[in-house]
Amino acid sequence: IYLSALQVGMACTIILYNYMCNSSCMGGMNRRPILTILTLETAQGEVLGRCCFEVRVCACPGRDRRLEENSFQQKAKSSELTKKAPLQGQHPCAPSRRPVQILPEEDEPECESGGTPEREVYTLVTTNLAHYNVIKEILDALEFKDAHERESTEGCK
């Protein structure tokens, strides 16, 4: 693949490589890494840069999923031990981001006084803006769905 001129407005060129596992390994314990060497060269053959890295390619989703889940659980356990629990009644919030508030789904019975009870508010805390945006989109969609269902049931009465 030859390096071409950059696209307008781009500071870099992205090239994606796709590796494929053609082996029918059972355990995958003997998977050997493939040493991948990338060199950036001019048209005259002058090497401008070189990068080497190992790639392990093996298509065994069951094993890989279990390993990833186990490592995630171990990381979660170790982070639980190192984190201090917040004081009761306090919720840690990201300083510059609005917390997502989620209301309970089930309809609660009316209070003895005849009015509707206060709905409990839940707060999700995230430090990742991308995760926050995804959660916010899901929340907006659920609230829209609930409002639409309320309108349709009120129209039937």
Protein backbone atom coordinates (compact mmCIF):
# COMPACT_ATOMS: atom_id res chain seq x y z
CA ILE A 1 0.00 0.00 0.00
CA TYR A 2 1.48 3.28 -1.06
CA LEU A 3 1.17 6.43 1.01
CA SER A 4 -0.98 8.90 -0.87
CA ALA A 5 -1.63 12.58 -0.32
CA LEU A 6 -3.65 13.49 2.74
CA GLN A 7 -7.35 14.13 2.36
CA VAL A 8 -8.47 17.73 2.73
CA GLY A 9 -8.62 18.73 6.40
CA MET A 10 -6.87 15.58 7.66
CA ALA A 11 -3.61 15.58 9.59
CA CYS A 12 -3.00 11.86 9.13
CA THR A 13 -3.88 8.87 6.94
CA ILE A 14 -5.60 5.89 8.52
CA ILE A 15 -4.98 2.43 7.07
CA LEU A 16 -6.81 -0.53 8.58
CA TYR A 17 -5.40 -4.05 8.39
CA ASN A 18 -7.57 -7.10 8.82
CA TYR A 19 -5.97 -10.29 10.18
CA MET A 20 -7.70 -13.63 9.81
CA CYS A 21 -7.32 -16.89 11.72
CA ASN A 22 -7.18 -19.86 9.36
CA SER A 23 -6.21 -22.34 12.06
CA SER A 24 -8.52 -24.83 13.73
CA CYS A 25 -6.70 -24.83 17.06
CA MET A 26 -8.54 -26.49 19.96
CA GLY A 27 -7.09 -24.83 23.03
CA GLY A 28 -5.31 -21.89 21.58
CA MET A 29 -2.57 -22.13 24.22
CA ASN A 30 0.09 -22.41 21.53
CA ARG A 31 -1.05 -19.35 19.61
CA ARG A 32 2.07 -17.63 18.42
CA PRO A 33 2.14 -13.93 17.77
CA ILE A 34 2.68 -12.60 14.29
CA LEU A 35 5.38 -9.93 14.25
CA THR A 36 4.03 -7.07 12.17
CA ILE A 37 6.53 -4.53 10.88
CA LEU A 38 5.30 -1.30 9.34
CA THR A 39 7.73 1.01 7.56
CA LEU A 40 6.99 4.44 6.17
CA GLU A 41 9.10 5.05 3.09
CA THR A 42 9.43 7.75 0.47
CA ALA A 43 9.02 7.00 -3.23
CA GLN A 44 12.84 6.79 -3.44
CA GLY A 45 12.94 4.04 -0.79
CA GLU A 46 14.19 6.20 2.08
CA VAL A 47 12.83 4.86 5.40
CA LEU A 48 11.12 7.63 7.36
CA GLY A 49 9.88 5.49 10.22
CA ARG A 50 9.40 1.93 11.42
CA CYS A 51 7.06 0.34 13.94
CA CYS A 52 7.02 -3.29 15.10
CA PHE A 53 4.31 -4.98 17.15
CA GLU A 54 3.01 -8.47 17.83
CA VAL A 55 -0.49 -9.56 16.85
CA ARG A 56 -2.14 -12.71 18.20
CA VAL A 57 -4.87 -13.85 15.86
CA CYS A 58 -7.19 -16.63 16.91
CA ALA A 59 -10.92 -16.99 16.39
CA CYS A 60 -12.16 -18.66 19.55
CA PRO A 61 -14.89 -16.35 20.87
CA GLY A 62 -15.93 -18.53 23.83
CA ARG A 63 -12.46 -18.72 25.31
CA ASP A 64 -11.65 -15.09 24.61
CA ARG A 65 -14.94 -13.88 26.11
CA ARG A 66 -14.37 -15.89 29.32
CA LEU A 67 -10.82 -14.55 29.66
CA GLU A 68 -11.98 -10.97 29.12
CA GLU A 69 -14.85 -11.38 31.62
CA ASN A 70 -12.52 -12.86 34.24
CA SER A 71 -9.96 -10.08 33.81
CA PHE A 72 -12.73 -7.46 33.99
CA GLN A 73 -14.09 -9.00 37.21
CA GLN A 74 -10.61 -9.07 38.75
CA LYS A 75 -10.07 -5.41 37.85
CA ALA A 76 -13.46 -4.52 39.33
CA LYS A 77 -12.67 -6.36 42.58
CA SER A 78 -9.27 -4.70 42.91
CA SER A 79 -10.74 -1.24 42.23
CA GLU A 80 -13.49 -1.87 44.84
CA LEU A 81 -10.86 -2.57 47.45
CA THR A 82 -8.86 0.55 46.65
CA LYS A 83 -11.79 2.95 46.39
CA LYS A 84 -13.23 4.59 49.46
CA ALA A 85 -16.98 4.24 49.83
CA PRO A 86 -18.74 7.62 49.69
CA LEU A 87 -20.48 8.87 52.79
CA GLN A 88 -24.11 7.82 53.06
CA GLY A 89 -26.42 10.25 51.32
CA GLN A 90 -23.64 11.70 49.16
CA HIS A 91 -23.16 10.84 45.52
CA PRO A 92 -19.81 11.44 43.84
CA CYS A 93 -20.40 13.48 40.70
CA ALA A 94 -18.18 14.56 37.88
CA PRO A 95 -17.65 18.28 38.53
CA SER A 96 -18.57 19.62 35.10
CA ARG A 97 -21.10 17.09 33.88
CA ARG A 98 -24.81 16.85 34.58
CA PRO A 99 -25.71 13.55 36.31
CA VAL A 100 -28.22 11.34 34.54
CA GLN A 101 -31.43 10.97 36.52
CA ILE A 102 -33.50 7.84 35.99
CA LEU A 103 -36.98 7.45 37.41
CA PRO A 104 -38.32 4.01 38.43
CA GLU A 105 -40.34 2.20 35.78
CA GLU A 106 -43.10 0.74 37.91
CA ASP A 107 -46.14 2.81 38.86
CA GLU A 108 -46.26 3.37 42.60
CA PRO A 109 -49.56 3.42 44.53
CA GLU A 110 -50.98 6.75 45.63
CA CYS A 111 -50.21 8.11 49.09
CA GLU A 112 -52.75 8.03 51.89
CA SER A 113 -53.30 11.77 51.43
CA GLY A 114 -54.62 11.08 47.92
CA GLY A 115 -51.72 12.63 45.97
CA THR A 116 -49.01 10.83 44.07
CA PRO A 117 -45.85 10.03 46.04
CA GLU A 118 -42.52 11.62 45.22
CA ARG A 119 -40.72 9.51 42.67
CA GLU A 120 -37.30 8.29 43.69
CA VAL A 121 -34.45 9.68 41.60
CA TYR A 122 -31.45 7.54 40.67
CA THR A 123 -28.09 8.97 39.66
CA LEU A 124 -25.54 7.31 37.38
CA VAL A 125 -22.01 8.67 37.57
CA THR A 126 -19.57 8.38 34.69
CA THR A 127 -16.31 10.11 33.89
CA ASN A 128 -16.43 9.14 30.21
CA LEU A 129 -18.23 11.69 28.03
CA ALA A 130 -18.96 9.15 25.29
CA HIS A 131 -20.63 6.82 27.82
CA TYR A 132 -22.60 9.76 29.22
CA ASN A 133 -23.89 10.66 25.75
CA VAL A 134 -24.98 7.07 25.05
CA ILE A 135 -26.76 6.80 28.41
CA LYS A 136 -28.42 10.18 27.84
CA GLU A 137 -29.69 9.10 24.40
CA ILE A 138 -31.13 5.90 25.87
CA LEU A 139 -32.78 7.86 28.69
CA ASP A 140 -34.29 10.37 26.25
CA ALA A 141 -35.66 7.53 24.10
CA LEU A 142 -37.20 5.78 27.13
CA GLU A 143 -38.77 9.02 28.37
CA PHE A 144 -40.18 9.69 24.90
CA LYS A 145 -41.60 6.15 24.77
CA ASP A 146 -43.21 6.55 28.22
CA ALA A 147 -44.71 9.93 27.28
CA HIS A 148 -46.07 8.48 24.04
CA GLU A 149 -47.60 5.52 25.91
CA ARG A 150 -49.19 7.88 28.46
CA GLU A 151 -50.68 9.98 25.66
CA SER A 152 -52.07 6.93 23.88
CA THR A 153 -53.61 5.49 27.09
CA GLU A 154 -55.14 8.88 27.99
CA GLY A 155 -56.62 9.08 24.50
CA CYS A 156 -58.33 5.69 25.00
CA LYS A 157 -60.10 6.81 28.21
